[in-house]
Amino acid sequence: MNKNEEEFYGLRDKMDRSLREAGSALPELGRYMELALKCVDETAAERPTMSEVVKEIEIIIQNSGASTSSSSASACLRQLILEALSKE
């Protein structure tokens, strides 16, 4: 994967169509993609810990204007993490 490719890090063809179409309306999408790429780094020492991932997601959510202290944001974040962990 080419992290330098401007359009979705070279993942455009693998993305769900609704995400591709909403890409410009989701400025934080690039940050999520950068985080995801860090999580699958070939070198284990370069991968973030789950607590670092949670912290980064909270920062992304906060910067997008959503409140990380709201119960719905917290519940959404917990659900995403549980789904990711269940796929390992």
N, C-alpha and C. Protein backbone atom coordinates (compact mmCIF):
# COMPACT_ATOMS: atom_id res chain seq x y z
N MET A 1 0.84 -1.18 0.00
CA MET A 1 0.00 0.00 0.00
C MET A 1 0.88 1.24 0.00
N ASN A 2 0.47 2.18 -0.76
CA ASN A 2 1.24 3.41 -0.88
C ASN A 2 0.64 4.49 0.01
N LYS A 3 1.28 4.76 1.15
CA LYS A 3 0.77 5.76 2.09
C LYS A 3 0.81 7.16 1.49
N ASN A 4 1.63 7.36 0.47
CA ASN A 4 1.78 8.69 -0.12
C ASN A 4 0.75 8.97 -1.20
N GLU A 5 0.04 7.97 -1.64
CA GLU A 5 -0.97 8.18 -2.67
C GLU A 5 -2.07 9.07 -2.10
N GLU A 6 -2.40 10.11 -2.82
CA GLU A 6 -3.33 11.11 -2.32
C GLU A 6 -4.72 10.57 -2.05
N GLU A 7 -5.19 9.70 -2.89
CA GLU A 7 -6.58 9.28 -2.79
C GLU A 7 -6.72 8.00 -1.98
N PHE A 8 -6.97 8.14 -0.68
CA PHE A 8 -7.26 7.03 0.22
C PHE A 8 -6.12 6.02 0.31
N TYR A 9 -4.89 6.48 0.23
CA TYR A 9 -3.72 5.61 0.43
C TYR A 9 -3.70 4.40 -0.48
N GLY A 10 -4.23 4.53 -1.66
CA GLY A 10 -4.24 3.42 -2.60
C GLY A 10 -5.29 2.36 -2.30
N LEU A 11 -6.20 2.66 -1.39
CA LEU A 11 -7.22 1.68 -1.00
C LEU A 11 -8.59 1.96 -1.59
N ARG A 12 -8.68 2.91 -2.48
CA ARG A 12 -9.97 3.32 -3.02
C ARG A 12 -10.78 2.14 -3.56
N ASP A 13 -10.16 1.25 -4.30
CA ASP A 13 -10.88 0.12 -4.90
C ASP A 13 -11.37 -0.88 -3.87
N LYS A 14 -10.79 -0.86 -2.68
CA LYS A 14 -11.17 -1.82 -1.65
C LYS A 14 -12.17 -1.25 -0.65
N MET A 15 -12.45 0.03 -0.77
CA MET A 15 -13.36 0.69 0.15
C MET A 15 -14.82 0.50 -0.25
N ASP A 16 -15.68 0.50 0.74
CA ASP A 16 -17.11 0.49 0.49
C ASP A 16 -17.47 1.74 -0.31
N ARG A 17 -18.36 1.61 -1.25
CA ARG A 17 -18.72 2.72 -2.14
C ARG A 17 -19.22 3.94 -1.36
N SER A 18 -20.00 3.71 -0.31
CA SER A 18 -20.53 4.84 0.45
C SER A 18 -19.40 5.64 1.12
N LEU A 19 -18.33 4.97 1.54
CA LEU A 19 -17.18 5.69 2.10
C LEU A 19 -16.43 6.46 1.02
N ARG A 20 -16.27 5.83 -0.15
CA ARG A 20 -15.59 6.53 -1.25
C ARG A 20 -16.33 7.80 -1.61
N GLU A 21 -17.65 7.70 -1.70
CA GLU A 21 -18.45 8.85 -2.10
C GLU A 21 -18.49 9.93 -1.04
N ALA A 22 -18.38 9.55 0.23
CA ALA A 22 -18.43 10.51 1.32
C ALA A 22 -17.05 10.99 1.74
N GLY A 23 -16.03 10.48 1.09
CA GLY A 23 -14.65 10.77 1.49
C GLY A 23 -14.33 12.23 1.72
N SER A 24 -14.74 13.09 0.82
CA SER A 24 -14.43 14.52 0.98
C SER A 24 -15.25 15.14 2.10
N ALA A 25 -16.39 14.51 2.44
CA ALA A 25 -17.22 15.01 3.53
C ALA A 25 -16.75 14.47 4.88
N LEU A 26 -15.80 13.55 4.86
CA LEU A 26 -15.27 12.95 6.08
C LEU A 26 -13.77 13.25 6.20
N PRO A 27 -13.42 14.46 6.59
CA PRO A 27 -12.00 14.82 6.62
C PRO A 27 -11.18 13.95 7.57
N GLU A 28 -11.82 13.37 8.59
CA GLU A 28 -11.07 12.54 9.53
C GLU A 28 -10.83 11.13 8.98
N LEU A 29 -11.41 10.79 7.84
CA LEU A 29 -11.22 9.47 7.25
C LEU A 29 -9.74 9.17 7.04
N GLY A 30 -8.99 10.13 6.59
CA GLY A 30 -7.55 9.94 6.39
C GLY A 30 -6.84 9.59 7.68
N ARG A 31 -7.25 10.21 8.78
CA ARG A 31 -6.62 9.92 10.07
C ARG A 31 -6.94 8.50 10.52
N TYR A 32 -8.18 8.07 10.27
CA TYR A 32 -8.54 6.69 10.60
C TYR A 32 -7.71 5.71 9.76
N MET A 33 -7.53 6.05 8.50
CA MET A 33 -6.76 5.17 7.62
C MET A 33 -5.30 5.12 8.05
N GLU A 34 -4.73 6.26 8.45
CA GLU A 34 -3.36 6.27 8.95
C GLU A 34 -3.23 5.38 10.19
N LEU A 35 -4.20 5.49 11.08
CA LEU A 35 -4.19 4.68 12.30
C LEU A 35 -4.31 3.19 11.95
N ALA A 36 -5.19 2.86 11.03
CA ALA A 36 -5.35 1.47 10.61
C ALA A 36 -4.06 0.92 10.02
N LEU A 37 -3.39 1.72 9.22
CA LEU A 37 -2.13 1.28 8.62
C LEU A 37 -1.06 1.06 9.69
N LYS A 38 -1.06 1.89 10.73
CA LYS A 38 -0.12 1.68 11.84
C LYS A 38 -0.41 0.36 12.54
N CYS A 39 -1.69 0.02 12.66
CA CYS A 39 -2.09 -1.21 13.36
C CYS A 39 -1.66 -2.48 12.63
N VAL A 40 -1.42 -2.39 11.35
CA VAL A 40 -1.01 -3.57 10.58
C VAL A 40 0.44 -3.47 10.11
N ASP A 41 1.21 -2.63 10.77
CA ASP A 41 2.63 -2.47 10.43
C ASP A 41 3.32 -3.83 10.52
N GLU A 42 4.23 -4.11 9.60
CA GLU A 42 4.94 -5.38 9.58
C GLU A 42 5.76 -5.60 10.84
N THR A 43 6.26 -4.52 11.42
CA THR A 43 7.08 -4.61 12.62
C THR A 43 6.20 -4.42 13.85
N ALA A 44 6.13 -5.45 14.67
CA ALA A 44 5.25 -5.42 15.85
C ALA A 44 5.56 -4.23 16.76
N ALA A 45 6.82 -3.90 16.90
CA ALA A 45 7.21 -2.79 17.79
C ALA A 45 6.69 -1.45 17.30
N GLU A 46 6.37 -1.35 16.01
CA GLU A 46 5.86 -0.10 15.44
C GLU A 46 4.34 0.02 15.54
N ARG A 47 3.68 -1.08 15.89
CA ARG A 47 2.22 -1.05 16.01
C ARG A 47 1.81 -0.40 17.33
N PRO A 48 0.74 0.39 17.31
CA PRO A 48 0.27 1.00 18.56
C PRO A 48 -0.39 -0.03 19.47
N THR A 49 -0.34 0.23 20.77
CA THR A 49 -1.07 -0.61 21.72
C THR A 49 -2.55 -0.27 21.60
N MET A 50 -3.41 -1.12 22.17
CA MET A 50 -4.85 -0.84 22.12
C MET A 50 -5.17 0.46 22.84
N SER A 51 -4.48 0.74 23.94
CA SER A 51 -4.75 2.01 24.65
C SER A 51 -4.35 3.20 23.78
N GLU A 52 -3.28 3.07 23.01
CA GLU A 52 -2.90 4.15 22.09
C GLU A 52 -3.92 4.31 20.98
N VAL A 53 -4.46 3.18 20.50
CA VAL A 53 -5.49 3.22 19.46
C VAL A 53 -6.74 3.91 19.99
N VAL A 54 -7.16 3.54 21.19
CA VAL A 54 -8.34 4.15 21.80
C VAL A 54 -8.14 5.65 21.96
N LYS A 55 -6.97 6.04 22.45
CA LYS A 55 -6.67 7.46 22.66
C LYS A 55 -6.71 8.21 21.32
N GLU A 56 -6.13 7.63 20.28
CA GLU A 56 -6.12 8.28 18.97
C GLU A 56 -7.54 8.40 18.40
N ILE A 57 -8.35 7.36 18.57
CA ILE A 57 -9.73 7.42 18.09
C ILE A 57 -10.49 8.51 18.84
N GLU A 58 -10.27 8.60 20.14
CA GLU A 58 -10.94 9.64 20.92
C GLU A 58 -10.53 11.03 20.43
N ILE A 59 -9.25 11.20 20.10
CA ILE A 59 -8.77 12.49 19.58
C ILE A 59 -9.43 12.80 18.24
N ILE A 60 -9.51 11.80 17.37
CA ILE A 60 -10.14 12.00 16.06
C ILE A 60 -11.60 12.40 16.23
N ILE A 61 -12.30 11.69 17.13
CA ILE A 61 -13.71 11.99 17.37
C ILE A 61 -13.86 13.40 17.92
N GLN A 62 -13.00 13.74 18.88
CA GLN A 62 -13.06 15.07 19.49
C GLN A 62 -12.79 16.17 18.46
N ASN A 63 -11.80 15.96 17.60
CA ASN A 63 -11.47 16.95 16.58
C ASN A 63 -12.54 17.07 15.51
N SER A 64 -13.37 16.03 15.37
CA SER A 64 -14.43 16.09 14.36
C SER A 64 -15.65 16.85 14.89
N GLY A 65 -15.59 17.23 16.16
CA GLY A 65 -16.69 18.00 16.74
C GLY A 65 -17.60 17.19 17.63
N ALA A 66 -17.41 15.88 17.67
CA ALA A 66 -18.23 15.04 18.55
C ALA A 66 -17.61 15.04 19.94
N SER A 67 -18.41 14.82 20.90
CA SER A 67 -17.94 14.77 22.29
C SER A 67 -17.59 13.35 22.67
N THR A 68 -16.34 13.11 23.08
CA THR A 68 -15.94 11.78 23.50
C THR A 68 -16.50 11.45 24.87
N SER A 69 -17.01 12.46 25.57
CA SER A 69 -17.58 12.18 26.89
C SER A 69 -19.04 11.76 26.80
N SER A 70 -19.64 11.92 25.64
CA SER A 70 -21.04 11.53 25.51
C SER A 70 -21.16 10.02 25.53
N SER A 71 -22.24 9.54 26.08
CA SER A 71 -22.42 8.09 26.20
C SER A 71 -22.52 7.43 24.83
N SER A 72 -23.09 8.13 23.84
CA SER A 72 -23.22 7.51 22.52
C SER A 72 -21.86 7.36 21.84
N ALA A 73 -20.99 8.36 21.98
CA ALA A 73 -19.65 8.26 21.39
C ALA A 73 -18.85 7.16 22.07
N SER A 74 -18.94 7.09 23.39
CA SER A 74 -18.22 6.06 24.13
C SER A 74 -18.73 4.68 23.77
N ALA A 75 -20.03 4.54 23.67
CA ALA A 75 -20.62 3.25 23.32
C ALA A 75 -20.21 2.84 21.91
N CYS A 76 -20.19 3.79 21.00
CA CYS A 76 -19.78 3.52 19.62
C CYS A 76 -18.33 3.08 19.58
N LEU A 77 -17.49 3.77 20.31
CA LEU A 77 -16.07 3.44 20.35
C LEU A 77 -15.86 2.05 20.93
N ARG A 78 -16.53 1.76 22.03
CA ARG A 78 -16.42 0.43 22.65
C ARG A 78 -16.84 -0.66 21.67
N GLN A 79 -17.93 -0.42 20.95
CA GLN A 79 -18.43 -1.40 19.99
C GLN A 79 -17.42 -1.64 18.87
N LEU A 80 -16.82 -0.57 18.36
CA LEU A 80 -15.81 -0.71 17.31
C LEU A 80 -14.62 -1.53 17.80
N ILE A 81 -14.18 -1.27 19.02
CA ILE A 81 -13.04 -1.99 19.56
C ILE A 81 -13.38 -3.46 19.77
N LEU A 82 -14.56 -3.74 20.31
CA LEU A 82 -14.95 -5.14 20.52
C LEU A 82 -15.06 -5.89 19.20
N GLU A 83 -15.58 -5.24 18.18
CA GLU A 83 -15.68 -5.88 16.87
C GLU A 83 -14.30 -6.15 16.29
N ALA A 84 -13.39 -5.20 16.46
CA ALA A 84 -12.03 -5.39 15.95
C ALA A 84 -11.33 -6.53 16.68
N LEU A 85 -11.51 -6.59 17.99
CA LEU A 85 -10.86 -7.63 18.77
C LEU A 85 -11.45 -9.01 18.45
N SER A 86 -12.72 -9.08 18.17
CA SER A 86 -13.35 -10.37 17.88
C SER A 86 -12.90 -10.93 16.53
N LYS A 87 -12.38 -10.07 15.65
CA LYS A 87 -11.92 -10.53 14.34
C LYS A 87 -10.48 -11.02 14.37
N GLU A 88 -9.78 -10.83 15.50
CA GLU A 88 -8.37 -11.25 15.58
C GLU A 88 -8.23 -12.73 15.72
